[in-house]
Amino acid sequence: MDIRYHSYFLKRFKKLSTNLKGKTISAIGKFTKNPHDPSLQNHKLKGSLAGKRAFWVTGDIRVIFEEFNDYILVIILDVGTHNQVYN
């Protein structure tokens, strides 16, 4: 799996607390090993984010991404609370 990080994700990631940065890195690592790990709750998005997907870092923190060619390429787009990434 080739993972690339959008500049917007990197900007938002820098603003996370140290604890959330660690949890985000851990979740991305788990995602890299198995994007369908049930604990990530990987799911399709609707509305203005249709065509993109999200997975959980914590109960309220999400990572938004796009996947191409059955997860050969993944572009991580955003990270933040439910309200931040879905609005």
Protein backbone atom coordinates (compact mmCIF):
# COMPACT_ATOMS: atom_id res chain seq x y z
CA MET A 1 0.00 0.00 0.00
CA ASP A 2 1.37 3.40 -1.04
CA ILE A 3 0.18 6.07 1.42
CA ARG A 4 0.47 9.75 0.57
CA TYR A 5 -0.46 12.68 2.80
CA HIS A 6 -2.30 15.72 1.50
CA SER A 7 -0.91 19.05 2.71
CA TYR A 8 -4.24 19.79 4.44
CA PHE A 9 -3.90 16.60 6.51
CA LEU A 10 -0.36 17.57 7.51
CA LYS A 11 -1.53 21.04 8.57
CA ARG A 12 -4.36 19.61 10.70
CA PHE A 13 -2.14 16.85 12.11
CA LYS A 14 0.34 19.43 13.44
CA LYS A 15 -2.45 21.01 15.50
CA LEU A 16 -3.36 17.78 17.30
CA SER A 17 -2.26 17.17 20.87
CA THR A 18 0.75 14.90 21.37
CA ASN A 19 -1.58 12.16 22.61
CA LEU A 20 -3.82 12.39 19.53
CA LYS A 21 -0.82 12.49 17.20
CA GLY A 22 0.33 9.19 18.69
CA LYS A 23 -3.11 7.65 18.37
CA THR A 24 -3.38 8.87 14.77
CA ILE A 25 0.01 7.39 13.85
CA SER A 26 -1.00 4.12 15.51
CA ALA A 27 -4.34 4.01 13.66
CA ILE A 28 -2.64 4.72 10.31
CA GLY A 29 -0.18 1.90 11.05
CA LYS A 30 -3.05 -0.47 11.79
CA PHE A 31 -4.81 0.74 8.63
CA THR A 32 -1.68 0.06 6.57
CA LYS A 33 -1.54 -3.54 7.82
CA ASN A 34 -5.27 -4.16 7.34
CA PRO A 35 -7.55 -1.39 6.03
CA HIS A 36 -10.58 -3.51 6.95
CA ASP A 37 -9.61 -4.03 10.61
CA PRO A 38 -12.96 -3.87 12.43
CA SER A 39 -11.60 -1.58 15.16
CA LEU A 40 -11.03 1.16 12.55
CA GLN A 41 -14.66 1.13 11.39
CA ASN A 42 -13.57 1.99 7.83
CA HIS A 43 -16.64 3.28 5.97
CA LYS A 44 -17.83 5.06 2.82
CA LEU A 45 -18.87 8.68 3.09
CA LYS A 46 -21.96 10.34 1.60
CA GLY A 47 -23.00 13.79 0.46
CA SER A 48 -20.25 16.27 -0.33
CA LEU A 49 -17.65 13.65 0.68
CA ALA A 50 -19.06 10.89 -1.55
CA GLY A 51 -16.26 8.84 -3.09
CA LYS A 52 -14.11 9.22 0.01
CA ARG A 53 -13.82 7.01 3.06
CA ALA A 54 -13.08 7.47 6.76
CA PHE A 55 -11.73 5.44 9.65
CA TRP A 56 -11.74 5.98 13.39
CA VAL A 57 -8.74 7.06 15.45
CA THR A 58 -10.84 7.47 18.62
CA GLY A 59 -14.57 7.68 19.23
CA ASP A 60 -14.63 11.25 17.91
CA ILE A 61 -11.43 11.59 15.81
CA ARG A 62 -11.62 10.54 12.16
CA VAL A 63 -9.19 10.25 9.25
CA ILE A 64 -10.62 11.00 5.80
CA PHE A 65 -8.97 9.37 2.80
CA GLU A 66 -9.36 8.33 -0.82
CA GLU A 67 -8.35 4.89 -2.01
CA PHE A 68 -7.45 3.84 -5.52
CA ASN A 69 -7.08 0.42 -7.15
CA ASP A 70 -8.25 -1.60 -4.15
CA TYR A 71 -5.97 0.16 -1.64
CA ILE A 72 -2.82 0.13 -3.78
CA LEU A 73 -2.75 3.93 -3.42
CA VAL A 74 -4.27 5.80 -0.47
CA ILE A 75 -4.28 9.57 -0.07
CA ILE A 76 -4.88 10.71 3.51
CA LEU A 77 -6.86 13.95 3.23
CA ASP A 78 -7.90 15.15 6.69
CA VAL A 79 -7.94 14.40 10.41
CA GLY A 80 -10.05 15.90 13.16
CA THR A 81 -13.17 15.56 15.22
CA HIS A 82 -16.36 14.31 13.66
CA ASN A 83 -17.67 17.89 13.35
CA GLN A 84 -14.39 19.23 11.89
CA VAL A 85 -14.01 16.69 9.10
CA TYR A 86 -17.66 16.29 8.12
CA ASN A 87 -18.53 20.00 7.92
